[in-house]
Amino acid sequence: MRSWNDDPFTKKARRENYAARSVYKLQEIDQREKILAGSRLILDLGASPGSWTQLCLERAPKARVVAVDLAPLRIEHPRLTFAQGNVEEIDILPLLGGEKADVVLSDMAPKTSGIAAADTARSLELAEMALGIARLHLKQDGAFVVKLFMGGEFEGFRRTLREAFEAVRLLRPETTRKHSREIFFIARNLRPASP
């Protein structure tokens, strides 16, 4: 049986000095959707070990990146602010300097149990949490990228995103592992909050 360490994308990430193979998922999303170019402020939720943060710093050379995760981040950079802790408990506004982000990214995923229903339910909770944060901290014309495990509540979450954003697209990056249930939503142009 082949180990994940033998995975060609894991080896490529190691060769290219990225913290994880997941960098190639965001790379593909950005190549297709052009979400990072011109960004000045990016919020990266579930950032550890840091490969998405690394790509943001590379592709948006004038951007400040605010990264949040329960686990430590393996990278440091002058344009990076990192807060370790639960995204629900961290006060994100001061980390952003009181500004709204051009991009909010969420690669958050639950620790999987092997029980599909439990894992997809927890993934939905994290995606909804990320959406709540995006509603508070994303510019109206910004982009929101969020991961979700495919499950029973998939269509409901897509409807919720369509109510919150003018444009919602789906992408399953080519680098996603064959048996993975993960999919990414790319949402743009936040609708004004209802009075």
N, C-alpha and C. Protein backbone atom coordinates (compact mmCIF):
# COMPACT_ATOMS: atom_id res chain seq x y z
N MET A 1 0.84 -1.19 0.00
CA MET A 1 0.00 0.00 0.00
C MET A 1 0.88 1.26 0.00
N ARG A 2 0.53 2.21 -0.84
CA ARG A 2 1.33 3.42 -0.97
C ARG A 2 1.04 4.40 0.15
N SER A 3 2.08 4.97 0.70
CA SER A 3 1.93 5.95 1.78
C SER A 3 1.64 7.33 1.18
N TRP A 4 0.97 8.19 1.98
CA TRP A 4 0.72 9.56 1.53
C TRP A 4 2.02 10.30 1.28
N ASN A 5 3.09 9.90 1.98
CA ASN A 5 4.39 10.55 1.77
C ASN A 5 4.96 10.23 0.39
N ASP A 6 4.45 9.16 -0.24
CA ASP A 6 4.90 8.79 -1.60
C ASP A 6 4.09 9.50 -2.68
N ASP A 7 3.05 10.21 -2.26
CA ASP A 7 2.18 10.92 -3.19
C ASP A 7 3.02 11.91 -4.00
N PRO A 8 2.84 11.96 -5.33
CA PRO A 8 3.67 12.86 -6.15
C PRO A 8 3.53 14.33 -5.78
N PHE A 9 2.33 14.75 -5.34
CA PHE A 9 2.15 16.16 -4.96
C PHE A 9 2.81 16.46 -3.62
N THR A 10 2.85 15.47 -2.73
CA THR A 10 3.57 15.66 -1.46
C THR A 10 5.06 15.84 -1.74
N LYS A 11 5.58 14.99 -2.64
CA LYS A 11 7.00 15.09 -3.01
C LYS A 11 7.30 16.42 -3.70
N LYS A 12 6.40 16.83 -4.58
CA LYS A 12 6.58 18.10 -5.29
C LYS A 12 6.57 19.27 -4.30
N ALA A 13 5.65 19.25 -3.34
CA ALA A 13 5.57 20.32 -2.33
C ALA A 13 6.88 20.38 -1.53
N ARG A 14 7.41 19.21 -1.18
CA ARG A 14 8.68 19.18 -0.44
C ARG A 14 9.80 19.79 -1.28
N ARG A 15 9.86 19.40 -2.56
CA ARG A 15 10.90 19.93 -3.47
C ARG A 15 10.79 21.44 -3.62
N GLU A 16 9.56 21.94 -3.66
CA GLU A 16 9.33 23.37 -3.91
C GLU A 16 9.22 24.18 -2.61
N ASN A 17 9.52 23.53 -1.48
CA ASN A 17 9.55 24.18 -0.16
C ASN A 17 8.20 24.75 0.28
N TYR A 18 7.13 24.03 -0.06
CA TYR A 18 5.82 24.38 0.47
C TYR A 18 5.53 23.52 1.69
N ALA A 19 4.76 24.05 2.62
CA ALA A 19 4.48 23.35 3.88
C ALA A 19 3.60 22.12 3.69
N ALA A 20 2.80 22.06 2.59
CA ALA A 20 1.92 20.91 2.36
C ALA A 20 1.49 20.87 0.90
N ARG A 21 1.02 19.70 0.50
CA ARG A 21 0.56 19.47 -0.88
C ARG A 21 -0.70 20.28 -1.20
N SER A 22 -1.42 20.72 -0.18
CA SER A 22 -2.67 21.46 -0.41
C SER A 22 -2.44 22.77 -1.16
N VAL A 23 -1.18 23.21 -1.22
CA VAL A 23 -0.87 24.44 -1.96
C VAL A 23 -1.36 24.35 -3.41
N TYR A 24 -1.30 23.16 -3.99
CA TYR A 24 -1.66 23.02 -5.40
C TYR A 24 -3.16 23.13 -5.63
N LYS A 25 -3.95 22.92 -4.58
CA LYS A 25 -5.40 23.13 -4.69
C LYS A 25 -5.68 24.62 -4.83
N LEU A 26 -5.08 25.42 -3.95
CA LEU A 26 -5.29 26.87 -4.04
C LEU A 26 -4.67 27.42 -5.32
N GLN A 27 -3.55 26.86 -5.72
CA GLN A 27 -2.90 27.30 -6.97
C GLN A 27 -3.86 27.12 -8.15
N GLU A 28 -4.53 25.97 -8.21
CA GLU A 28 -5.48 25.72 -9.30
C GLU A 28 -6.69 26.64 -9.19
N ILE A 29 -7.19 26.83 -7.98
CA ILE A 29 -8.33 27.73 -7.77
C ILE A 29 -7.96 29.14 -8.25
N ASP A 30 -6.76 29.59 -7.88
CA ASP A 30 -6.34 30.94 -8.27
C ASP A 30 -6.10 31.04 -9.78
N GLN A 31 -5.53 30.01 -10.38
CA GLN A 31 -5.32 30.03 -11.83
C GLN A 31 -6.64 30.15 -12.57
N ARG A 32 -7.66 29.46 -12.08
CA ARG A 32 -8.97 29.50 -12.76
C ARG A 32 -9.78 30.73 -12.42
N GLU A 33 -9.72 31.16 -11.15
CA GLU A 33 -10.62 32.21 -10.67
C GLU A 33 -9.97 33.57 -10.44
N LYS A 34 -8.63 33.63 -10.46
CA LYS A 34 -7.90 34.90 -10.30
C LYS A 34 -8.34 35.65 -9.03
N ILE A 35 -8.29 34.98 -7.90
CA ILE A 35 -8.78 35.59 -6.67
C ILE A 35 -7.71 36.37 -5.91
N LEU A 36 -6.43 36.05 -6.14
CA LEU A 36 -5.38 36.65 -5.31
C LEU A 36 -4.76 37.91 -5.92
N ALA A 37 -4.75 38.02 -7.23
CA ALA A 37 -4.09 39.15 -7.90
C ALA A 37 -4.66 40.48 -7.42
N GLY A 38 -3.78 41.38 -7.03
CA GLY A 38 -4.20 42.71 -6.62
C GLY A 38 -4.71 42.81 -5.19
N SER A 39 -4.75 41.68 -4.49
CA SER A 39 -5.25 41.70 -3.11
C SER A 39 -4.30 42.47 -2.20
N ARG A 40 -4.88 43.18 -1.23
CA ARG A 40 -4.10 43.93 -0.24
C ARG A 40 -4.22 43.31 1.15
N LEU A 41 -5.32 42.57 1.38
CA LEU A 41 -5.54 41.97 2.69
C LEU A 41 -6.26 40.63 2.50
N ILE A 42 -5.63 39.57 3.01
CA ILE A 42 -6.17 38.22 2.85
C ILE A 42 -6.30 37.59 4.23
N LEU A 43 -7.44 36.96 4.48
CA LEU A 43 -7.68 36.24 5.72
C LEU A 43 -7.70 34.75 5.41
N ASP A 44 -6.80 33.99 6.03
CA ASP A 44 -6.63 32.56 5.78
C ASP A 44 -7.03 31.79 7.03
N LEU A 45 -8.21 31.16 6.99
CA LEU A 45 -8.74 30.41 8.13
C LEU A 45 -8.35 28.94 7.99
N GLY A 46 -7.91 28.34 9.09
CA GLY A 46 -7.44 26.95 9.02
C GLY A 46 -6.13 26.88 8.28
N ALA A 47 -5.24 27.82 8.56
CA ALA A 47 -4.04 28.04 7.75
C ALA A 47 -2.93 27.01 7.91
N SER A 48 -2.83 26.38 9.08
CA SER A 48 -1.72 25.47 9.33
C SER A 48 -1.77 24.25 8.40
N PRO A 49 -0.65 23.78 7.91
CA PRO A 49 0.74 24.14 8.24
C PRO A 49 1.28 25.37 7.52
N GLY A 50 0.51 25.93 6.56
CA GLY A 50 0.92 27.21 5.99
C GLY A 50 1.11 27.28 4.49
N SER A 51 0.79 26.23 3.75
CA SER A 51 1.05 26.28 2.31
C SER A 51 0.16 27.29 1.59
N TRP A 52 -1.11 27.43 2.02
CA TRP A 52 -1.98 28.43 1.38
C TRP A 52 -1.46 29.83 1.70
N THR A 53 -1.02 30.03 2.92
CA THR A 53 -0.45 31.32 3.32
C THR A 53 0.78 31.64 2.47
N GLN A 54 1.64 30.65 2.26
CA GLN A 54 2.83 30.85 1.43
C GLN A 54 2.45 31.30 0.02
N LEU A 55 1.45 30.63 -0.57
CA LEU A 55 1.04 30.98 -1.92
C LEU A 55 0.44 32.38 -1.97
N CYS A 56 -0.32 32.75 -0.95
CA CYS A 56 -0.89 34.10 -0.89
C CYS A 56 0.22 35.15 -0.87
N LEU A 57 1.23 34.92 -0.07
CA LEU A 57 2.35 35.86 0.03
C LEU A 57 3.10 35.97 -1.29
N GLU A 58 3.19 34.87 -2.02
CA GLU A 58 3.87 34.87 -3.33
C GLU A 58 3.04 35.58 -4.40
N ARG A 59 1.77 35.21 -4.48
CA ARG A 59 0.93 35.68 -5.59
C ARG A 59 0.34 37.06 -5.38
N ALA A 60 0.34 37.52 -4.14
CA ALA A 60 -0.17 38.87 -3.83
C ALA A 60 0.94 39.62 -3.10
N PRO A 61 1.94 40.09 -3.84
CA PRO A 61 3.15 40.65 -3.22
C PRO A 61 2.94 41.93 -2.41
N LYS A 62 1.78 42.56 -2.54
CA LYS A 62 1.51 43.76 -1.75
C LYS A 62 0.53 43.48 -0.62
N ALA A 63 0.12 42.23 -0.49
CA ALA A 63 -0.91 41.89 0.49
C ALA A 63 -0.32 41.58 1.85
N ARG A 64 -1.11 41.95 2.86
CA ARG A 64 -0.87 41.48 4.21
C ARG A 64 -1.77 40.26 4.39
N VAL A 65 -1.22 39.21 4.98
CA VAL A 65 -1.98 37.98 5.19
C VAL A 65 -2.17 37.76 6.68
N VAL A 66 -3.43 37.56 7.07
CA VAL A 66 -3.77 37.22 8.44
C VAL A 66 -4.19 35.76 8.44
N ALA A 67 -3.45 34.95 9.20
CA ALA A 67 -3.70 33.51 9.23
C ALA A 67 -4.13 33.10 10.64
N VAL A 68 -5.10 32.19 10.69
CA VAL A 68 -5.63 31.72 11.97
C VAL A 68 -5.74 30.20 11.94
N ASP A 69 -5.32 29.56 13.02
CA ASP A 69 -5.48 28.10 13.11
C ASP A 69 -5.30 27.66 14.56
N LEU A 70 -5.88 26.51 14.89
CA LEU A 70 -5.67 25.90 16.20
C LEU A 70 -4.22 25.43 16.34
N ALA A 71 -3.67 24.94 15.24
CA ALA A 71 -2.30 24.40 15.24
C ALA A 71 -1.30 25.50 14.88
N PRO A 72 -0.05 25.34 15.27
CA PRO A 72 0.95 26.36 14.92
C PRO A 72 1.20 26.43 13.42
N LEU A 73 1.68 27.58 12.99
CA LEU A 73 2.02 27.79 11.58
C LEU A 73 3.52 27.60 11.43
N ARG A 74 3.93 26.94 10.36
CA ARG A 74 5.35 26.61 10.17
C ARG A 74 6.14 27.70 9.48
N ILE A 75 5.51 28.80 9.16
CA ILE A 75 6.23 29.84 8.40
C ILE A 75 6.16 31.19 9.11
N GLU A 76 7.11 32.04 8.77
CA GLU A 76 7.13 33.43 9.24
C GLU A 76 7.39 34.32 8.04
N HIS A 77 6.85 35.53 8.10
CA HIS A 77 7.03 36.48 6.99
C HIS A 77 6.69 37.87 7.51
N PRO A 78 7.38 38.90 7.03
CA PRO A 78 7.07 40.26 7.51
C PRO A 78 5.63 40.72 7.21
N ARG A 79 5.00 40.18 6.18
CA ARG A 79 3.63 40.59 5.84
C ARG A 79 2.59 39.63 6.42
N LEU A 80 3.01 38.75 7.31
CA LEU A 80 2.12 37.74 7.88
C LEU A 80 1.85 38.03 9.35
N THR A 81 0.56 37.98 9.71
CA THR A 81 0.13 38.02 11.10
C THR A 81 -0.54 36.69 11.39
N PHE A 82 -0.07 35.98 12.41
CA PHE A 82 -0.66 34.69 12.74
C PHE A 82 -1.24 34.71 14.14
N ALA A 83 -2.45 34.18 14.27
CA ALA A 83 -3.10 34.03 15.57
C ALA A 83 -3.44 32.56 15.76
N GLN A 84 -2.92 31.98 16.84
CA GLN A 84 -3.21 30.58 17.11
C GLN A 84 -4.39 30.48 18.07
N GLY A 85 -5.40 29.71 17.67
CA GLY A 85 -6.57 29.53 18.50
C GLY A 85 -7.78 29.18 17.66
N ASN A 86 -8.91 29.06 18.31
CA ASN A 86 -10.17 28.73 17.65
C ASN A 86 -10.68 29.98 16.93
N VAL A 87 -11.01 29.83 15.65
CA VAL A 87 -11.45 31.00 14.86
C VAL A 87 -12.71 31.65 15.45
N GLU A 88 -13.52 30.87 16.16
CA GLU A 88 -14.73 31.43 16.79
C GLU A 88 -14.40 32.30 17.99
N GLU A 89 -13.25 32.05 18.60
CA GLU A 89 -12.91 32.75 19.84
C GLU A 89 -11.91 33.89 19.65
N ILE A 90 -11.31 33.97 18.47
CA ILE A 90 -10.31 35.01 18.22
C ILE A 90 -11.01 36.26 17.68
N ASP A 91 -10.62 37.41 18.19
CA ASP A 91 -11.16 38.68 17.69
C ASP A 91 -10.38 39.04 16.42
N ILE A 92 -11.00 38.81 15.28
CA ILE A 92 -10.31 38.96 14.00
C ILE A 92 -10.18 40.42 13.58
N LEU A 93 -11.14 41.25 13.93
CA LEU A 93 -11.14 42.65 13.49
C LEU A 93 -9.83 43.38 13.77
N PRO A 94 -9.27 43.33 15.00
CA PRO A 94 -8.00 44.02 15.22
C PRO A 94 -6.84 43.42 14.43
N LEU A 95 -6.89 42.12 14.17
CA LEU A 95 -5.83 41.48 13.36
C LEU A 95 -5.84 42.05 11.93
N LEU A 96 -7.04 42.39 11.45
CA LEU A 96 -7.18 42.97 10.10
C LEU A 96 -6.94 44.48 10.11
N GLY A 97 -6.64 45.04 11.27
CA GLY A 97 -6.43 46.48 11.37
C GLY A 97 -7.70 47.27 11.15
N GLY A 98 -8.84 46.64 11.45
CA GLY A 98 -10.13 47.31 11.28
C GLY A 98 -10.59 47.39 9.84
N GLU A 99 -9.83 46.78 8.92
CA GLU A 99 -10.19 46.81 7.49
C GLU A 99 -10.93 45.55 7.09
N LYS A 100 -11.53 45.60 5.92
CA LYS A 100 -12.18 44.42 5.34
C LYS A 100 -11.17 43.72 4.42
N ALA A 101 -11.27 42.39 4.37
CA ALA A 101 -10.36 41.59 3.54
C ALA A 101 -10.83 41.54 2.09
N ASP A 102 -9.86 41.47 1.18
CA ASP A 102 -10.17 41.27 -0.24
C ASP A 102 -10.56 39.81 -0.50
N VAL A 103 -9.95 38.91 0.27
CA VAL A 103 -10.16 37.47 0.10
C VAL A 103 -10.25 36.84 1.49
N VAL A 104 -11.23 35.95 1.66
CA VAL A 104 -11.28 35.09 2.85
C VAL A 104 -11.20 33.66 2.35
N LEU A 105 -10.21 32.93 2.88
CA LEU A 105 -9.98 31.54 2.50
C LEU A 105 -10.27 30.65 3.69
N SER A 106 -10.89 29.50 3.44
CA SER A 106 -11.07 28.52 4.50
C SER A 106 -10.80 27.12 3.97
N ASP A 107 -9.66 26.58 4.41
CA ASP A 107 -9.33 25.18 4.12
C ASP A 107 -9.56 24.36 5.39
N MET A 108 -10.40 24.89 6.29
CA MET A 108 -10.65 24.19 7.56
C MET A 108 -11.32 22.84 7.29
N ALA A 109 -10.89 21.84 8.05
CA ALA A 109 -11.46 20.50 7.95
C ALA A 109 -11.46 19.88 9.33
N PRO A 110 -12.46 19.05 9.61
CA PRO A 110 -12.48 18.38 10.91
C PRO A 110 -11.45 17.26 10.97
N LYS A 111 -11.08 16.89 12.17
CA LYS A 111 -10.30 15.66 12.33
C LYS A 111 -11.26 14.53 11.97
N THR A 112 -10.95 13.78 10.93
CA THR A 112 -11.90 12.79 10.44
C THR A 112 -11.97 11.58 11.37
N SER A 113 -13.19 11.05 11.49
CA SER A 113 -13.45 9.91 12.37
C SER A 113 -13.61 8.62 11.59
N GLY A 114 -13.80 8.76 10.26
CA GLY A 114 -14.09 7.58 9.45
C GLY A 114 -15.59 7.33 9.35
N ILE A 115 -16.37 8.07 10.12
CA ILE A 115 -17.84 7.96 10.05
C ILE A 115 -18.31 9.10 9.15
N ALA A 116 -18.70 8.76 7.93
CA ALA A 116 -18.98 9.77 6.91
C ALA A 116 -19.99 10.81 7.37
N ALA A 117 -21.09 10.38 7.99
CA ALA A 117 -22.13 11.34 8.40
C ALA A 117 -21.60 12.32 9.42
N ALA A 118 -20.80 11.84 10.37
CA ALA A 118 -20.24 12.72 11.40
C ALA A 118 -19.22 13.68 10.78
N ASP A 119 -18.39 13.17 9.89
CA ASP A 119 -17.36 14.01 9.27
C ASP A 119 -17.97 15.09 8.39
N THR A 120 -18.99 14.75 7.61
CA THR A 120 -19.62 15.76 6.75
C THR A 120 -20.38 16.79 7.58
N ALA A 121 -20.98 16.36 8.68
CA ALA A 121 -21.71 17.30 9.55
C ALA A 121 -20.74 18.30 10.18
N ARG A 122 -19.59 17.82 10.63
CA ARG A 122 -18.59 18.71 11.23
C ARG A 122 -17.98 19.63 10.17
N SER A 123 -17.78 19.11 8.97
CA SER A 123 -17.27 19.94 7.87
C SER A 123 -18.24 21.07 7.57
N LEU A 124 -19.54 20.76 7.58
CA LEU A 124 -20.56 21.78 7.34
C LEU A 124 -20.51 22.85 8.43
N GLU A 125 -20.34 22.45 9.69
CA GLU A 125 -20.24 23.42 10.78
C GLU A 125 -19.07 24.38 10.55
N LEU A 126 -17.94 23.83 10.12
CA LEU A 126 -16.76 24.67 9.87
C LEU A 126 -16.99 25.61 8.68
N ALA A 127 -17.63 25.09 7.63
CA ALA A 127 -17.92 25.93 6.45
C ALA A 127 -18.88 27.06 6.81
N GLU A 128 -19.88 26.75 7.63
CA GLU A 128 -20.83 27.78 8.07
C GLU A 128 -20.15 28.82 8.96
N MET A 129 -19.24 28.36 9.80
CA MET A 129 -18.46 29.27 10.65
C MET A 129 -17.63 30.21 9.77
N ALA A 130 -16.97 29.64 8.74
CA ALA A 130 -16.17 30.46 7.82
C ALA A 130 -17.04 31.47 7.08
N LEU A 131 -18.23 31.05 6.68
CA LEU A 131 -19.16 31.96 6.00
C LEU A 131 -19.55 33.11 6.93
N GLY A 132 -19.81 32.81 8.18
CA GLY A 132 -20.14 33.87 9.13
C GLY A 132 -19.01 34.88 9.27
N ILE A 133 -17.79 34.39 9.29
CA ILE A 133 -16.62 35.27 9.37
C ILE A 133 -16.49 36.10 8.09
N ALA A 134 -16.70 35.45 6.94
CA ALA A 134 -16.62 36.18 5.66
C ALA A 134 -17.68 37.28 5.60
N ARG A 135 -18.87 37.01 6.09
CA ARG A 135 -19.92 38.04 6.07
C ARG A 135 -19.51 39.26 6.88
N LEU A 136 -18.77 39.04 7.95
CA LEU A 136 -18.33 40.15 8.80
C LEU A 136 -17.11 40.89 8.26
N HIS A 137 -16.17 40.15 7.65
CA HIS A 137 -14.85 40.71 7.40
C HIS A 137 -14.43 40.79 5.93
N LEU A 138 -15.32 40.44 5.00
CA LEU A 138 -14.98 40.47 3.57
C LEU A 138 -15.53 41.73 2.91
N LYS A 139 -14.72 42.34 2.03
CA LYS A 139 -15.22 43.46 1.24
C LYS A 139 -16.37 42.99 0.38
N GLN A 140 -17.25 43.91 0.04
CA GLN A 140 -18.43 43.54 -0.75
C GLN A 140 -18.05 42.93 -2.10
N ASP A 141 -16.97 43.41 -2.72
CA ASP A 141 -16.57 42.87 -4.02
C ASP A 141 -15.48 41.80 -3.88
N GLY A 142 -15.30 41.27 -2.68
CA GLY A 142 -14.24 40.29 -2.41
C GLY A 142 -14.62 38.88 -2.82
N ALA A 143 -13.66 37.96 -2.57
CA ALA A 143 -13.85 36.55 -2.91
C ALA A 143 -13.72 35.70 -1.66
N PHE A 144 -14.56 34.67 -1.58
CA PHE A 144 -14.58 33.74 -0.46
C PHE A 144 -14.40 32.33 -1.01
N VAL A 145 -13.39 31.62 -0.50
CA VAL A 145 -13.14 30.23 -0.90
C VAL A 145 -13.30 29.37 0.34
N VAL A 146 -14.15 28.33 0.24
CA VAL A 146 -14.40 27.49 1.41
C VAL A 146 -14.49 26.02 1.00
N LYS A 147 -13.88 25.18 1.84
CA LYS A 147 -13.92 23.73 1.60
C LYS A 147 -15.10 23.12 2.33
N LEU A 148 -15.71 22.11 1.68
CA LEU A 148 -16.80 21.37 2.30
C LEU A 148 -16.68 19.91 1.89
N PHE A 149 -16.94 19.00 2.83
CA PHE A 149 -17.03 17.58 2.49
C PHE A 149 -18.43 17.34 1.93
N MET A 150 -18.50 16.66 0.79
CA MET A 150 -19.78 16.36 0.16
C MET A 150 -20.61 15.49 1.09
N GLY A 151 -21.87 15.87 1.27
CA GLY A 151 -22.76 15.10 2.13
C GLY A 151 -24.18 15.59 1.95
N GLY A 152 -25.05 15.18 2.85
CA GLY A 152 -26.47 15.46 2.73
C GLY A 152 -26.84 16.93 2.73
N GLU A 153 -26.02 17.77 3.38
CA GLU A 153 -26.36 19.19 3.50
C GLU A 153 -25.68 20.05 2.42
N PHE A 154 -25.07 19.41 1.44
CA PHE A 154 -24.34 20.12 0.40
C PHE A 154 -25.22 21.16 -0.31
N GLU A 155 -26.39 20.74 -0.78
CA GLU A 155 -27.27 21.65 -1.54
C GLU A 155 -27.78 22.79 -0.67
N GLY A 156 -28.03 22.49 0.60
CA GLY A 156 -28.48 23.53 1.51
C GLY A 156 -27.42 24.60 1.70
N PHE A 157 -26.16 24.16 1.82
CA PHE A 157 -25.08 25.13 1.99
C PHE A 157 -24.89 25.94 0.70
N ARG A 158 -25.01 25.27 -0.44
CA ARG A 158 -24.90 26.01 -1.71
C ARG A 158 -25.99 27.08 -1.81
N ARG A 159 -27.22 26.75 -1.39
CA ARG A 159 -28.31 27.74 -1.39
C ARG A 159 -27.97 28.92 -0.48
N THR A 160 -27.44 28.61 0.70
CA THR A 160 -27.07 29.66 1.65
C THR A 160 -26.02 30.58 1.05
N LEU A 161 -25.03 29.99 0.38
CA LEU A 161 -23.99 30.81 -0.27
C LEU A 161 -24.58 31.68 -1.37
N ARG A 162 -25.51 31.12 -2.15
CA ARG A 162 -26.13 31.88 -3.24
C ARG A 162 -26.98 33.04 -2.72
N GLU A 163 -27.51 32.87 -1.51
CA GLU A 163 -28.26 33.97 -0.89
C GLU A 163 -27.31 35.07 -0.42
N ALA A 164 -26.09 34.68 -0.05
CA ALA A 164 -25.12 35.63 0.50
C ALA A 164 -24.26 36.30 -0.57
N PHE A 165 -24.05 35.62 -1.69
CA PHE A 165 -23.15 36.11 -2.74
C PHE A 165 -23.84 36.12 -4.10
N GLU A 166 -23.40 37.03 -4.96
CA GLU A 166 -23.99 37.12 -6.31
C GLU A 166 -23.53 35.99 -7.22
N ALA A 167 -22.30 35.50 -7.03
CA ALA A 167 -21.76 34.44 -7.90
C ALA A 167 -21.15 33.35 -7.03
N VAL A 168 -21.53 32.10 -7.31
CA VAL A 168 -21.00 30.95 -6.57
C VAL A 168 -20.62 29.87 -7.57
N ARG A 169 -19.35 29.43 -7.48
CA ARG A 169 -18.87 28.36 -8.37
C ARG A 169 -18.34 27.21 -7.52
N LEU A 170 -18.28 26.04 -8.14
CA LEU A 170 -17.75 24.84 -7.48
C LEU A 170 -16.50 24.40 -8.20
N LEU A 171 -15.54 23.87 -7.43
CA LEU A 171 -14.33 23.35 -8.04
C LEU A 171 -13.81 22.19 -7.20
N ARG A 172 -13.50 21.12 -7.85
CA ARG A 172 -12.80 20.00 -7.22
C ARG A 172 -11.42 19.95 -7.87
N PRO A 173 -10.41 20.51 -7.20
CA PRO A 173 -9.08 20.58 -7.82
C PRO A 173 -8.54 19.21 -8.21
N GLU A 174 -7.77 19.18 -9.28
CA GLU A 174 -7.20 17.93 -9.78
C GLU A 174 -6.30 17.26 -8.75
N THR A 175 -5.71 18.03 -7.86
CA THR A 175 -4.81 17.46 -6.86
C THR A 175 -5.54 16.86 -5.67
N THR A 176 -6.87 16.95 -5.65
CA THR A 176 -7.64 16.33 -4.57
C THR A 176 -7.46 14.82 -4.65
N ARG A 177 -7.23 14.21 -3.49
CA ARG A 177 -7.04 12.75 -3.47
C ARG A 177 -8.29 12.06 -3.99
N LYS A 178 -8.07 10.94 -4.66
CA LYS A 178 -9.13 10.21 -5.35
C LYS A 178 -10.35 9.91 -4.47
N HIS A 179 -10.12 9.49 -3.23
CA HIS A 179 -11.23 9.06 -2.38
C HIS A 179 -11.75 10.19 -1.48
N SER A 180 -11.21 11.39 -1.65
CA SER A 180 -11.63 12.51 -0.81
C SER A 180 -13.02 12.99 -1.19
N ARG A 181 -13.77 13.42 -0.18
CA ARG A 181 -15.12 13.96 -0.41
C ARG A 181 -15.12 15.48 -0.49
N GLU A 182 -13.92 16.09 -0.47
CA GLU A 182 -13.87 17.55 -0.38
C GLU A 182 -14.13 18.23 -1.73
N ILE A 183 -14.76 19.38 -1.62
CA ILE A 183 -15.01 20.23 -2.78
C ILE A 183 -14.88 21.67 -2.31
N PHE A 184 -14.56 22.56 -3.22
CA PHE A 184 -14.39 23.97 -2.85
C PHE A 184 -15.44 24.83 -3.54
N PHE A 185 -15.99 25.75 -2.77
CA PHE A 185 -16.88 26.78 -3.31
C PHE A 185 -16.07 28.05 -3.46
N ILE A 186 -16.25 28.75 -4.56
CA ILE A 186 -15.66 30.07 -4.76
C ILE A 186 -16.82 31.03 -4.93
N ALA A 187 -16.95 31.93 -3.96
CA ALA A 187 -18.09 32.87 -3.96
C ALA A 187 -17.57 34.29 -4.09
N ARG A 188 -18.26 35.10 -4.87
CA ARG A 188 -17.83 36.49 -5.11
C ARG A 188 -19.00 37.44 -4.95
N ASN A 189 -18.64 38.68 -4.62
CA ASN A 189 -19.59 39.78 -4.54
C ASN A 189 -20.67 39.54 -3.50
N LEU A 190 -20.29 39.84 -2.28
CA LEU A 190 -21.17 39.69 -1.11
C LEU A 190 -22.38 40.59 -1.28
N ARG A 191 -23.54 40.03 -1.10
CA ARG A 191 -24.76 40.83 -1.18
C ARG A 191 -24.89 41.68 0.09
N PRO A 192 -25.46 42.86 0.01
CA PRO A 192 -25.65 43.67 1.21
C PRO A 192 -26.51 42.92 2.22
N ALA A 193 -26.18 43.08 3.49
CA ALA A 193 -26.95 42.41 4.55
C ALA A 193 -28.38 42.95 4.55
N SER A 194 -29.32 42.05 4.82
CA SER A 194 -30.73 42.47 4.89
C SER A 194 -30.94 43.35 6.14
N PRO A 195 -31.75 44.41 6.01
CA PRO A 195 -31.99 45.28 7.16
C PRO A 195 -32.78 44.57 8.25
